[in-house]
């Protein structure tokens, strides 16, 4: 069954033909696999483009979540509270401290507004 192939254009041997068939089957399989991978990639690109278009059109509506700070008062030691209160003193001093903090907050807001507007 084996024939020889040579420069004279003879037919390939059965072994060469079988080997070529195996190579063709492998290449066809690899080709199908790569086509499927390409289709999946194209689907992914299309999905990402739709997602990008959505976010570009809706960037102003993204939620901003600012967590509120909390203090676990059950963990405060009474000695620490007494120590802090000793610095505050009377209710008049406490009121003055509140006014000072309010003034500082207003000055900081004014400075920040000047910075944002471009005067800073």
PDB file of N, CA and C in Angstrom:
ATOM      1  N   UNK A   1       0.800  -1.204   0.000  1.00  0.00           N
ATOM      2  CA  UNK A   1       0.000   0.000   0.000  1.00  0.00           C
ATOM      3  C   UNK A   1       0.837   1.259   0.000  1.00  0.00           C
ATOM      4  N   UNK A   2       2.084   1.144   0.372  1.00  0.00           N
ATOM      5  CA  UNK A   2       2.936   2.327   0.415  1.00  0.00           C
ATOM      6  C   UNK A   2       3.440   2.641  -0.973  1.00  0.00           C
ATOM      7  N   UNK A   3       3.259   3.892  -1.342  1.00  0.00           N
ATOM      8  CA  UNK A   3       3.842   4.342  -2.603  1.00  0.00           C
ATOM      9  C   UNK A   3       4.882   5.372  -2.262  1.00  0.00           C
ATOM     10  N   UNK A   4       5.741   5.637  -3.135  1.00  0.00           N
ATOM     11  CA  UNK A   4       6.804   6.598  -2.871  1.00  0.00           C
ATOM     12  C   UNK A   4       6.484   7.900  -3.540  1.00  0.00           C
ATOM     13  N   UNK A   5       6.922   8.940  -2.888  1.00  0.00           N
ATOM     14  CA  UNK A   5       6.776  10.252  -3.496  1.00  0.00           C
ATOM     15  C   UNK A   5       8.163  10.775  -3.739  1.00  0.00           C
ATOM     16  N   UNK A   6       8.357  11.393  -4.785  1.00  0.00           N
ATOM     17  CA  UNK A   6       9.682  11.914  -5.086  1.00  0.00           C
ATOM     18  C   UNK A   6       9.559  13.145  -5.936  1.00  0.00           C
ATOM     19  N   UNK A   7      10.647  13.520  -6.514  1.00  0.00           N
ATOM     20  CA  UNK A   7      10.677  14.717  -7.347  1.00  0.00           C
ATOM     21  C   UNK A   7       9.865  14.538  -8.601  1.00  0.00           C
ATOM     22  N   UNK A   8       9.591  13.306  -8.960  1.00  0.00           N
ATOM     23  CA  UNK A   8       8.852  13.069 -10.190  1.00  0.00           C
ATOM     24  C   UNK A   8       7.355  13.272  -9.991  1.00  0.00           C
ATOM     25  N   UNK A   9       6.951  13.647  -8.773  1.00  0.00           N
ATOM     26  CA  UNK A   9       5.535  13.946  -8.542  1.00  0.00           C
ATOM     27  C   UNK A   9       4.748  12.723  -8.194  1.00  0.00           C
ATOM     28  N   UNK A  10       5.352  11.778  -7.541  1.00  0.00           N
ATOM     29  CA  UNK A  10       4.652  10.569  -7.142  1.00  0.00           C
ATOM     30  C   UNK A  10       3.641  10.871  -6.054  1.00  0.00           C
ATOM     31  N   UNK A  11       2.782   9.923  -5.772  1.00  0.00           N
ATOM     32  CA  UNK A  11       1.765  10.103  -4.754  1.00  0.00           C
ATOM     33  C   UNK A  11       2.374   9.893  -3.374  1.00  0.00           C
ATOM     34  N   UNK A  12       1.812  10.582  -2.315  1.00  0.00           N
ATOM     35  CA  UNK A  12       2.367  10.432  -0.975  1.00  0.00           C
ATOM     36  C   UNK A  12       2.096   9.030  -0.429  1.00  0.00           C
ATOM     37  N   UNK A  13       2.920   8.637   0.514  1.00  0.00           N
ATOM     38  CA  UNK A  13       2.723   7.334   1.150  1.00  0.00           C
ATOM     39  C   UNK A  13       1.510   7.401   2.058  1.00  0.00           C
ATOM     40  N   UNK A  14       1.018   6.227   2.437  1.00  0.00           N
ATOM     41  CA  UNK A  14      -0.128   6.155   3.321  1.00  0.00           C
ATOM     42  C   UNK A  14       0.200   6.803   4.665  1.00  0.00           C
ATOM     43  N   UNK A  15       1.418   6.614   5.148  1.00  0.00           N
ATOM     44  CA  UNK A  15       1.847   7.193   6.416  1.00  0.00           C
ATOM     45  C   UNK A  15       1.857   8.716   6.318  1.00  0.00           C
ATOM     46  N   UNK A  16       2.373   9.280   5.231  1.00  0.00           N
ATOM     47  CA  UNK A  16       2.395  10.732   5.040  1.00  0.00           C
ATOM     48  C   UNK A  16       0.972  11.284   4.967  1.00  0.00           C
ATOM     49  N   UNK A  17       0.105  10.571   4.303  1.00  0.00           N
ATOM     50  CA  UNK A  17      -1.279  10.993   4.159  1.00  0.00           C
ATOM     51  C   UNK A  17      -1.982  11.009   5.518  1.00  0.00           C
ATOM     52  N   UNK A  18      -1.762   9.973   6.336  1.00  0.00           N
ATOM     53  CA  UNK A  18      -2.359   9.903   7.665  1.00  0.00           C
ATOM     54  C   UNK A  18      -1.835  11.027   8.541  1.00  0.00           C
ATOM     55  N   UNK A  19      -0.572  11.265   8.487  1.00  0.00           N
ATOM     56  CA  UNK A  19       0.038  12.359   9.271  1.00  0.00           C
ATOM     57  C   UNK A  19      -0.553  13.699   8.851  1.00  0.00           C
ATOM     58  N   UNK A  20      -0.694  13.921   7.554  1.00  0.00           N
ATOM     59  CA  UNK A  20      -1.275  15.172   7.055  1.00  0.00           C
ATOM     60  C   UNK A  20      -2.725  15.299   7.497  1.00  0.00           C
ATOM     61  N   UNK A  21      -3.473  14.214   7.513  1.00  0.00           N
ATOM     62  CA  UNK A  21      -4.865  14.234   7.979  1.00  0.00           C
ATOM     63  C   UNK A  21      -4.927  14.615   9.454  1.00  0.00           C
ATOM     64  N   UNK A  22      -4.013  14.072  10.269  1.00  0.00           N
ATOM     65  CA  UNK A  22      -3.963  14.413  11.690  1.00  0.00           C
ATOM     66  C   UNK A  22      -3.657  15.896  11.892  1.00  0.00           C
ATOM     67  N   UNK A  23      -2.726  16.395  11.099  1.00  0.00           N
ATOM     68  CA  UNK A  23      -2.380  17.824  11.188  1.00  0.00           C
ATOM     69  C   UNK A  23      -3.587  18.671  10.793  1.00  0.00           C
ATOM     70  N   UNK A  24      -4.284  18.285   9.720  1.00  0.00           N
ATOM     71  CA  UNK A  24      -5.456  19.045   9.272  1.00  0.00           C
ATOM     72  C   UNK A  24      -6.562  19.028  10.327  1.00  0.00           C
ATOM     73  N   UNK A  25      -6.781  17.880  10.951  1.00  0.00           N
ATOM     74  CA  UNK A  25      -7.801  17.781  12.004  1.00  0.00           C
ATOM     75  C   UNK A  25      -7.431  18.683  13.178  1.00  0.00           C
ATOM     76  N   UNK A  26      -6.157  18.649  13.570  1.00  0.00           N
ATOM     77  CA  UNK A  26      -5.704  19.508  14.666  1.00  0.00           C
ATOM     78  C   UNK A  26      -5.885  20.984  14.310  1.00  0.00           C
ATOM     79  N   UNK A  27      -5.489  21.353  13.096  1.00  0.00           N
ATOM     80  CA  UNK A  27      -5.593  22.768  12.687  1.00  0.00           C
ATOM     81  C   UNK A  27      -7.051  23.209  12.608  1.00  0.00           C
ATOM     82  N   UNK A  28      -7.923  22.332  12.123  1.00  0.00           N
ATOM     83  CA  UNK A  28      -9.352  22.667  12.077  1.00  0.00           C
ATOM     84  C   UNK A  28      -9.902  22.877  13.496  1.00  0.00           C
ATOM     85  N   UNK A  29      -9.516  21.997  14.408  1.00  0.00           N
ATOM     86  CA  UNK A  29      -9.965  22.120  15.787  1.00  0.00           C
ATOM     87  C   UNK A  29      -9.450  23.419  16.406  1.00  0.00           C
ATOM     88  N   UNK A  30      -8.187  23.711  16.178  1.00  0.00           N
ATOM     89  CA  UNK A  30      -7.599  24.941  16.712  1.00  0.00           C
ATOM     90  C   UNK A  30      -8.271  26.172  16.103  1.00  0.00           C
ATOM     91  N   UNK A  31      -8.574  26.089  14.823  1.00  0.00           N
ATOM     92  CA  UNK A  31      -9.249  27.188  14.127  1.00  0.00           C
ATOM     93  C   UNK A  31     -10.633  27.434  14.728  1.00  0.00           C
ATOM     94  N   UNK A  32     -11.407  26.369  14.996  1.00  0.00           N
ATOM     95  CA  UNK A  32     -12.727  26.513  15.614  1.00  0.00           C
ATOM     96  C   UNK A  32     -12.606  27.123  17.010  1.00  0.00           C
ATOM     97  N   UNK A  33     -11.613  26.656  17.755  1.00  0.00           N
ATOM     98  CA  UNK A  33     -11.410  27.175  19.111  1.00  0.00           C
ATOM     99  C   UNK A  33     -11.086  28.669  19.083  1.00  0.00           C
ATOM    100  N   UNK A  34     -10.231  29.076  18.164  1.00  0.00           N
ATOM    101  CA  UNK A  34      -9.869  30.492  18.063  1.00  0.00           C
ATOM    102  C   UNK A  34     -11.044  31.342  17.592  1.00  0.00           C
ATOM    103  N   UNK A  35     -11.876  30.810  16.699  1.00  0.00           N
ATOM    104  CA  UNK A  35     -13.066  31.553  16.261  1.00  0.00           C
ATOM    105  C   UNK A  35     -14.029  31.761  17.423  1.00  0.00           C
ATOM    106  N   UNK A  36     -14.221  30.710  18.244  1.00  0.00           N
ATOM    107  CA  UNK A  36     -15.092  30.829  19.412  1.00  0.00           C
ATOM    108  C   UNK A  36     -14.539  31.853  20.399  1.00  0.00           C
ATOM    109  N   UNK A  37     -13.231  31.828  20.591  1.00  0.00           N
ATOM    110  CA  UNK A  37     -12.603  32.795  21.491  1.00  0.00           C
ATOM    111  C   UNK A  37     -12.769  34.210  20.951  1.00  0.00           C
ATOM    112  N   UNK A  38     -12.639  34.376  19.642  1.00  0.00           N
ATOM    113  CA  UNK A  38     -12.823  35.689  19.025  1.00  0.00           C
ATOM    114  C   UNK A  38     -14.257  36.179  19.216  1.00  0.00           C
ATOM    115  N   UNK A  39     -15.227  35.286  19.035  1.00  0.00           N
ATOM    116  CA  UNK A  39     -16.627  35.679  19.231  1.00  0.00           C
ATOM    117  C   UNK A  39     -16.887  36.095  20.672  1.00  0.00           C
ATOM    118  N   UNK A  40     -16.315  35.341  21.635  1.00  0.00           N
ATOM    119  CA  UNK A  40     -16.475  35.721  23.046  1.00  0.00           C
ATOM    120  C   UNK A  40     -15.830  37.080  23.318  1.00  0.00           C
ATOM    121  N   UNK A  41     -14.680  37.313  22.723  1.00  0.00           N
ATOM    122  CA  UNK A  41     -14.001  38.602  22.919  1.00  0.00           C
ATOM    123  C   UNK A  41     -14.816  39.739  22.323  1.00  0.00           C
ATOM    124  N   UNK A  42     -15.383  39.514  21.145  1.00  0.00           N
ATOM    125  CA  UNK A  42     -16.209  40.550  20.523  1.00  0.00           C
ATOM    126  C   UNK A  42     -17.447  40.829  21.366  1.00  0.00           C
ATOM    127  N   UNK A  43     -18.050  39.786  21.944  1.00  0.00           N
ATOM    128  CA  UNK A  43     -19.200  39.978  22.837  1.00  0.00           C
ATOM    129  C   UNK A  43     -18.799  40.785  24.068  1.00  0.00           C
ATOM    130  N   UNK A  44     -17.635  40.486  24.625  1.00  0.00           N
ATOM    131  CA  UNK A  44     -17.151  41.206  25.807  1.00  0.00           C
ATOM    132  C   UNK A  44     -16.884  42.675  25.472  1.00  0.00           C
ATOM    133  N   UNK A  45     -16.290  42.930  24.309  1.00  0.00           N
ATOM    134  CA  UNK A  45     -16.029  44.311  23.892  1.00  0.00           C
ATOM    135  C   UNK A  45     -17.351  45.059  23.729  1.00  0.00           C
ATOM    136  N   UNK A  46     -18.340  44.421  23.130  1.00  0.00           N
ATOM    137  CA  UNK A  46     -19.638  45.073  22.947  1.00  0.00           C
ATOM    138  C   UNK A  46     -20.284  45.376  24.296  1.00  0.00           C
ATOM    139  N   UNK A  47     -20.201  44.433  25.229  1.00  0.00           N
ATOM    140  CA  UNK A  47     -20.771  44.657  26.565  1.00  0.00           C
ATOM    141  C   UNK A  47     -20.077  45.803  27.275  1.00  0.00           C
ATOM    142  N   UNK A  48     -18.754  45.844  27.186  1.00  0.00           N
ATOM    143  CA  UNK A  48     -18.005  46.922  27.841  1.00  0.00           C
ATOM    144  C   UNK A  48     -18.298  48.275  27.196  1.00  0.00           C
ATOM    145  N   UNK A  49     -18.486  48.291  25.872  1.00  0.00           N
ATOM    146  CA  UNK A  49     -18.826  49.566  25.210  1.00  0.00           C
ATOM    147  C   UNK A  49     -20.185  50.071  25.655  1.00  0.00           C
ATOM    148  N   UNK A  50     -21.155  49.148  25.782  1.00  0.00           N
ATOM    149  CA  UNK A  50     -22.480  49.561  26.270  1.00  0.00           C
ATOM    150  C   UNK A  50     -22.379  50.100  27.693  1.00  0.00           C
ATOM    151  N   UNK A  51     -21.589  49.421  28.502  1.00  0.00           N
ATOM    152  CA  UNK A  51     -21.406  49.860  29.883  1.00  0.00           C
ATOM    153  C   UNK A  51     -20.750  51.237  29.929  1.00  0.00           C
ATOM    154  N   UNK A  52     -19.748  51.450  29.091  1.00  0.00           N
ATOM    155  CA  UNK A  52     -19.070  52.749  29.041  1.00  0.00           C
ATOM    156  C   UNK A  52     -20.030  53.844  28.590  1.00  0.00           C
ATOM    157  N   UNK A  53     -20.821  53.573  27.564  1.00  0.00           N
ATOM    158  CA  UNK A  53     -21.794  54.560  27.096  1.00  0.00           C
ATOM    159  C   UNK A  53     -22.784  54.912  28.195  1.00  0.00           C
ATOM    160  N   UNK A  54     -23.196  53.900  28.957  1.00  0.00           N
ATOM    161  CA  UNK A  54     -24.137  54.157  30.042  1.00  0.00           C
ATOM    162  C   UNK A  54     -23.496  55.068  31.091  1.00  0.00           C
ATOM    163  N   UNK A  55     -22.269  54.745  31.496  1.00  0.00           N
ATOM    164  CA  UNK A  55     -21.618  55.532  32.545  1.00  0.00           C
ATOM    165  C   UNK A  55     -21.260  56.934  32.069  1.00  0.00           C
ATOM    166  N   UNK A  56     -20.892  57.092  30.812  1.00  0.00           N
ATOM    167  CA  UNK A  56     -20.589  58.429  30.298  1.00  0.00           C
ATOM    168  C   UNK A  56     -21.851  59.275  30.303  1.00  0.00           C
ATOM    169  N   UNK A  57     -22.981  58.670  29.975  1.00  0.00           N
ATOM    170  CA  UNK A  57     -24.238  59.416  29.943  1.00  0.00           C
ATOM    171  C   UNK A  57     -24.825  59.660  31.322  1.00  0.00           C
ATOM    172  N   UNK A  58     -24.425  58.890  32.318  1.00  0.00           N
ATOM    173  CA  UNK A  58     -25.032  58.987  33.645  1.00  0.00           C
ATOM    174  C   UNK A  58     -24.016  59.286  34.743  1.00  0.00           C
ATOM    175  N   UNK A  59     -22.925  59.919  34.395  1.00  0.00           N
ATOM    176  CA  UNK A  59     -21.891  60.154  35.407  1.00  0.00           C
ATOM    177  C   UNK A  59     -22.346  61.092  36.515  1.00  0.00           C
ATOM    178  N   UNK A  60     -23.317  61.941  36.247  1.00  0.00           N
ATOM    179  CA  UNK A  60     -23.778  62.887  37.265  1.00  0.00           C
ATOM    180  C   UNK A  60     -24.674  62.250  38.314  1.00  0.00           C
ATOM    181  N   UNK A  61     -25.143  61.033  38.059  1.00  0.00           N
ATOM    182  CA  UNK A  61     -26.091  60.434  38.987  1.00  0.00           C
ATOM    183  C   UNK A  61     -25.466  59.351  39.861  1.00  0.00           C
ATOM    184  N   UNK A  62     -24.156  59.287  39.905  1.00  0.00           N
ATOM    185  CA  UNK A  62     -23.530  58.293  40.765  1.00  0.00           C
ATOM    186  C   UNK A  62     -23.720  58.691  42.223  1.00  0.00           C
ATOM    187  N   UNK A  63     -24.105  57.737  43.051  1.00  0.00           N
ATOM    188  CA  UNK A  63     -24.357  58.073  44.460  1.00  0.00           C
ATOM    189  C   UNK A  63     -23.050  58.313  45.215  1.00  0.00           C
ATOM    190  N   UNK A  64     -23.104  59.273  46.120  1.00  0.00           N
ATOM    191  CA  UNK A  64     -21.974  59.545  46.999  1.00  0.00           C
ATOM    192  C   UNK A  64     -22.419  59.185  48.410  1.00  0.00           C
ATOM    193  N   UNK A  65     -21.714  58.247  48.978  1.00  0.00           N
ATOM    194  CA  UNK A  65     -22.073  57.782  50.318  1.00  0.00           C
ATOM    195  C   UNK A  65     -20.978  58.216  51.279  1.00  0.00           C
ATOM    196  N   UNK A  66     -21.359  59.036  52.247  1.00  0.00           N
ATOM    197  CA  UNK A  66     -20.416  59.506  53.254  1.00  0.00           C
ATOM    198  C   UNK A  66     -20.813  58.865  54.575  1.00  0.00           C
ATOM    199  N   UNK A  67     -19.986  57.988  55.086  1.00  0.00           N
ATOM    200  CA  UNK A  67     -20.357  57.345  56.354  1.00  0.00           C
ATOM    201  C   UNK A  67     -20.333  58.349  57.496  1.00  0.00           C
ATOM    202  N   UNK A  68     -21.305  58.235  58.359  1.00  0.00           N
ATOM    203  CA  UNK A  68     -21.348  59.135  59.520  1.00  0.00           C
ATOM    204  C   UNK A  68     -20.459  58.573  60.613  1.00  0.00           C
ATOM    205  N   UNK A  69     -19.623  59.422  61.166  1.00  0.00           N
ATOM    206  CA  UNK A  69     -18.743  58.926  62.235  1.00  0.00           C
ATOM    207  C   UNK A  69     -19.554  58.626  63.491  1.00  0.00           C
ATOM    208  N   UNK A  70     -19.207  57.557  64.136  1.00  0.00           N
ATOM    209  CA  UNK A  70     -19.890  57.184  65.368  1.00  0.00           C
ATOM    210  C   UNK A  70     -18.864  56.962  66.468  1.00  0.00           C
ATOM    211  N   UNK A  71     -19.299  57.214  67.671  1.00  0.00           N
ATOM    212  CA  UNK A  71     -18.443  57.008  68.837  1.00  0.00           C
ATOM    213  C   UNK A  71     -19.183  56.066  69.767  1.00  0.00           C
ATOM    214  N   UNK A  72     -18.515  55.018  70.170  1.00  0.00           N
ATOM    215  CA  UNK A  72     -19.095  54.069  71.117  1.00  0.00           C
ATOM    216  C   UNK A  72     -18.865  54.608  72.524  1.00  0.00           C
ATOM    217  N   UNK A  73     -19.901  55.265  73.070  1.00  0.00           N
ATOM    218  CA  UNK A  73     -19.766  55.895  74.379  1.00  0.00           C
ATOM    219  C   UNK A  73     -19.616  54.881  75.507  1.00  0.00           C
ATOM    220  N   UNK A  74     -19.996  53.639  75.248  1.00  0.00           N
ATOM    221  CA  UNK A  74     -19.871  52.630  76.299  1.00  0.00           C
ATOM    222  C   UNK A  74     -18.406  52.312  76.582  1.00  0.00           C
ATOM    223  N   UNK A  75     -17.525  52.681  75.687  1.00  0.00           N
ATOM    224  CA  UNK A  75     -16.101  52.392  75.878  1.00  0.00           C
ATOM    225  C   UNK A  75     -15.353  53.523  76.573  1.00  0.00           C
ATOM    226  N   UNK A  76     -16.040  54.665  76.801  1.00  0.00           N
ATOM    227  CA  UNK A  76     -15.385  55.778  77.470  1.00  0.00           C
ATOM    228  C   UNK A  76     -15.244  55.505  78.963  1.00  0.00           C
ATOM    229  N   UNK A  77     -14.102  55.781  79.468  1.00  0.00           N
ATOM    230  CA  UNK A  77     -13.832  55.627  80.904  1.00  0.00           C
ATOM    231  C   UNK A  77     -14.316  56.895  81.606  1.00  0.00           C
ATOM    232  N   UNK A  78     -14.930  56.759  82.763  1.00  0.00           N
ATOM    233  CA  UNK A  78     -15.421  57.936  83.487  1.00  0.00           C
ATOM    234  C   UNK A  78     -14.257  58.849  83.880  1.00  0.00           C
ATOM    235  N   UNK A  79     -13.092  58.292  84.121  1.00  0.00           N
ATOM    236  CA  UNK A  79     -11.925  59.106  84.438  1.00  0.00           C
ATOM    237  C   UNK A  79     -11.529  59.989  83.260  1.00  0.00           C
ATOM    238  N   UNK A  80     -11.652  59.457  82.051  1.00  0.00           N
ATOM    239  CA  UNK A  80     -11.334  60.237  80.855  1.00  0.00           C
ATOM    240  C   UNK A  80     -12.323  61.381  80.679  1.00  0.00           C
ATOM    241  N   UNK A  81     -13.612  61.084  80.912  1.00  0.00           N
ATOM    242  CA  UNK A  81     -14.632  62.127  80.805  1.00  0.00           C
ATOM    243  C   UNK A  81     -14.365  63.223  81.834  1.00  0.00           C
ATOM    244  N   UNK A  82     -14.040  62.868  83.042  1.00  0.00           N
ATOM    245  CA  UNK A  82     -13.749  63.860  84.085  1.00  0.00           C
ATOM    246  C   UNK A  82     -12.532  64.696  83.714  1.00  0.00           C
ATOM    247  N   UNK A  83     -11.543  64.064  83.108  1.00  0.00           N
ATOM    248  CA  UNK A  83     -10.333  64.768  82.695  1.00  0.00           C
ATOM    249  C   UNK A  83     -10.649  65.806  81.615  1.00  0.00           C
ATOM    250  N   UNK A  84     -11.473  65.417  80.632  1.00  0.00           N
ATOM    251  CA  UNK A  84     -11.859  66.355  79.557  1.00  0.00           C
ATOM    252  C   UNK A  84     -12.700  67.489  80.118  1.00  0.00           C
ATOM    253  N   UNK A  85     -13.645  67.161  80.981  1.00  0.00           N
ATOM    254  CA  UNK A  85     -14.520  68.178  81.562  1.00  0.00           C
ATOM    255  C   UNK A  85     -13.714  69.166  82.391  1.00  0.00           C
ATOM    256  N   UNK A  86     -12.637  68.727  83.021  1.00  0.00           N
ATOM    257  CA  UNK A  86     -11.832  69.640  83.837  1.00  0.00           C
ATOM    258  C   UNK A  86     -11.204  70.741  82.996  1.00  0.00           C
ATOM    259  N   UNK A  87     -10.989  70.490  81.726  1.00  0.00           N
ATOM    260  CA  UNK A  87     -10.440  71.524  80.840  1.00  0.00           C
ATOM    261  C   UNK A  87     -11.521  72.487  80.381  1.00  0.00           C
ATOM    262  N   UNK A  88     -12.751  72.013  80.254  1.00  0.00           N
ATOM    263  CA  UNK A  88     -13.835  72.853  79.747  1.00  0.00           C
ATOM    264  C   UNK A  88     -14.290  73.834  80.818  1.00  0.00           C
ATOM    265  N   UNK A  89     -14.471  73.369  82.016  1.00  0.00           N
ATOM    266  CA  UNK A  89     -14.837  74.276  83.107  1.00  0.00           C
ATOM    267  C   UNK A  89     -16.313  74.563  83.147  1.00  0.00           C
ATOM    268  N   UNK A  90     -16.661  75.842  83.325  1.00  0.00           N
ATOM    269  CA  UNK A  90     -18.052  76.251  83.553  1.00  0.00           C
ATOM    270  C   UNK A  90     -18.828  76.342  82.249  1.00  0.00           C
ATOM    271  N   UNK A  91     -20.132  76.544  82.376  1.00  0.00           N
ATOM    272  CA  UNK A  91     -20.983  76.644  81.191  1.00  0.00           C
ATOM    273  C   UNK A  91     -20.650  77.885  80.370  1.00  0.00           C
ATOM    274  N   UNK A  92     -20.178  78.963  81.011  1.00  0.00           N
ATOM    275  CA  UNK A  92     -19.789  80.171  80.262  1.00  0.00           C
ATOM    276  C   UNK A  92     -18.584  79.854  79.381  1.00  0.00           C
ATOM    277  N   UNK A  93     -17.609  79.122  79.945  1.00  0.00           N
ATOM    278  CA  UNK A  93     -16.440  78.747  79.148  1.00  0.00           C
ATOM    279  C   UNK A  93     -16.837  77.815  78.003  1.00  0.00           C
ATOM    280  N   UNK A  94     -17.790  76.952  78.279  1.00  0.00           N
ATOM    281  CA  UNK A  94     -18.270  76.041  77.257  1.00  0.00           C
ATOM    282  C   UNK A  94     -18.951  76.821  76.129  1.00  0.00           C
ATOM    283  N   UNK A  95     -19.754  77.820  76.493  1.00  0.00           N
ATOM    284  CA  UNK A  95     -20.417  78.658  75.493  1.00  0.00           C
ATOM    285  C   UNK A  95     -19.391  79.419  74.666  1.00  0.00           C
ATOM    286  N   UNK A  96     -18.370  79.977  75.332  1.00  0.00           N
ATOM    287  CA  UNK A  96     -17.322  80.700  74.610  1.00  0.00           C
ATOM    288  C   UNK A  96     -16.561  79.770  73.653  1.00  0.00           C
ATOM    289  N   UNK A  97     -16.331  78.546  74.089  1.00  0.00           N
ATOM    290  CA  UNK A  97     -15.662  77.575  73.230  1.00  0.00           C
ATOM    291  C   UNK A  97     -16.515  77.296  71.991  1.00  0.00           C
ATOM    292  N   UNK A  98     -17.809  77.171  72.176  1.00  0.00           N
ATOM    293  CA  UNK A  98     -18.705  76.927  71.047  1.00  0.00           C
ATOM    294  C   UNK A  98     -18.678  78.093  70.068  1.00  0.00           C
ATOM    295  N   UNK A  99     -18.673  79.323  70.582  1.00  0.00           N
ATOM    296  CA  UNK A  99     -18.593  80.492  69.705  1.00  0.00           C
ATOM    297  C   UNK A  99     -17.270  80.519  68.938  1.00  0.00           C
ATOM    298  N   UNK A 100     -16.192  80.212  69.634  1.00  0.00           N
ATOM    299  CA  UNK A 100     -14.886  80.188  68.969  1.00  0.00           C
ATOM    300  C   UNK A 100     -14.862  79.157  67.833  1.00  0.00           C
ATOM    301  N   UNK A 101     -15.434  77.995  68.099  1.00  0.00           N
ATOM    302  CA  UNK A 101     -15.459  76.957  67.069  1.00  0.00           C
ATOM    303  C   UNK A 101     -16.323  77.373  65.886  1.00  0.00           C
ATOM    304  N   UNK A 102     -17.426  78.055  66.174  1.00  0.00           N
ATOM    305  CA  UNK A 102     -18.300  78.515  65.102  1.00  0.00           C
ATOM    306  C   UNK A 102     -17.577  79.548  64.241  1.00  0.00           C
ATOM    307  N   UNK A 103     -16.862  80.460  64.864  1.00  0.00           N
ATOM    308  CA  UNK A 103     -16.114  81.470  64.117  1.00  0.00           C
ATOM    309  C   UNK A 103     -15.038  80.804  63.256  1.00  0.00           C
ATOM    310  N   UNK A 104     -14.331  79.838  63.829  1.00  0.00           N
ATOM    311  CA  UNK A 104     -13.303  79.137  63.062  1.00  0.00           C
ATOM    312  C   UNK A 104     -13.906  78.397  61.876  1.00  0.00           C
ATOM    313  N   UNK A 105     -15.075  77.787  62.083  1.00  0.00           N
ATOM    314  CA  UNK A 105     -15.733  77.068  60.995  1.00  0.00           C
ATOM    315  C   UNK A 105     -16.141  78.031  59.881  1.00  0.00           C
ATOM    316  N   UNK A 106     -16.659  79.214  60.251  1.00  0.00           N
ATOM    317  CA  UNK A 106     -17.058  80.185  59.237  1.00  0.00           C
ATOM    318  C   UNK A 106     -15.839  80.705  58.480  1.00  0.00           C
ATOM    319  N   UNK A 107     -14.730  80.940  59.177  1.00  0.00           N
ATOM    320  CA  UNK A 107     -13.513  81.409  58.514  1.00  0.00           C
ATOM    321  C   UNK A 107     -12.976  80.343  57.570  1.00  0.00           C
ATOM    322  N   UNK A 108     -13.023  79.088  58.004  1.00  0.00           N
ATOM    323  CA  UNK A 108     -12.543  78.005  57.150  1.00  0.00           C
ATOM    324  C   UNK A 108     -13.414  77.885  55.907  1.00  0.00           C
ATOM    325  N   UNK A 109     -14.724  78.049  56.066  1.00  0.00           N
ATOM    326  CA  UNK A 109     -15.635  77.966  54.920  1.00  0.00           C
ATOM    327  C   UNK A 109     -15.374  79.111  53.951  1.00  0.00           C
ATOM    328  N   UNK A 110     -15.129  80.302  54.493  1.00  0.00           N
ATOM    329  CA  UNK A 110     -14.842  81.451  53.638  1.00  0.00           C
ATOM    330  C   UNK A 110     -13.528  81.237  52.886  1.00  0.00           C
ATOM    331  N   UNK A 111     -12.512  80.760  53.586  1.00  0.00           N
ATOM    332  CA  UNK A 111     -11.222  80.499  52.942  1.00  0.00           C
ATOM    333  C   UNK A 111     -11.360  79.433  51.866  1.00  0.00           C
ATOM    334  N   UNK A 112     -12.134  78.410  52.165  1.00  0.00           N
ATOM    335  CA  UNK A 112     -12.320  77.332  51.196  1.00  0.00           C
ATOM    336  C   UNK A 112     -13.067  77.862  49.969  1.00  0.00           C
ATOM    337  N   UNK A 113     -14.088  78.693  50.175  1.00  0.00           N
ATOM    338  CA  UNK A 113     -14.830  79.261  49.050  1.00  0.00           C
ATOM    339  C   UNK A 113     -13.906  80.122  48.198  1.00  0.00           C
ATOM    340  N   UNK A 114     -13.041  80.900  48.818  1.00  0.00           N
ATOM    341  CA  UNK A 114     -12.080  81.706  48.060  1.00  0.00           C
ATOM    342  C   UNK A 114     -11.119  80.848  47.289  1.00  0.00           C
ATOM    343  N   UNK A 115     -10.736  79.728  47.849  1.00  0.00           N
ATOM    344  CA  UNK A 115      -9.815  78.808  47.170  1.00  0.00           C
ATOM    345  C   UNK A 115     -10.504  78.177  45.968  1.00  0.00           C
ATOM    346  N   UNK A 116     -11.755  77.755  46.152  1.00  0.00           N
ATOM    347  CA  UNK A 116     -12.492  77.090  45.069  1.00  0.00           C
ATOM    348  C   UNK A 116     -12.764  78.078  43.936  1.00  0.00           C
ATOM    349  N   UNK A 117     -13.137  79.310  44.267  1.00  0.00           N
ATOM    350  CA  UNK A 117     -13.433  80.297  43.251  1.00  0.00           C
ATOM    351  C   UNK A 117     -12.155  80.752  42.549  1.00  0.00           C
ATOM    352  N   UNK A 118     -11.034  80.647  43.196  1.00  0.00           N
ATOM    353  CA  UNK A 118      -9.776  81.010  42.569  1.00  0.00           C
ATOM    354  C   UNK A 118      -9.132  82.230  43.170  1.00  0.00           C
ATOM    355  N   UNK A 119      -9.574  82.604  44.333  1.00  0.00           N
ATOM    356  CA  UNK A 119      -8.988  83.793  44.962  1.00  0.00           C
ATOM    357  C   UNK A 119      -7.866  83.432  45.925  1.00  0.00           C
ATOM    358  N   UNK A 120      -7.720  82.123  46.208  1.00  0.00           N
ATOM    359  CA  UNK A 120      -6.777  81.684  47.224  1.00  0.00           C
ATOM    360  C   UNK A 120      -5.385  81.479  46.741  1.00  0.00           C
TER     361      UNK A 120
END
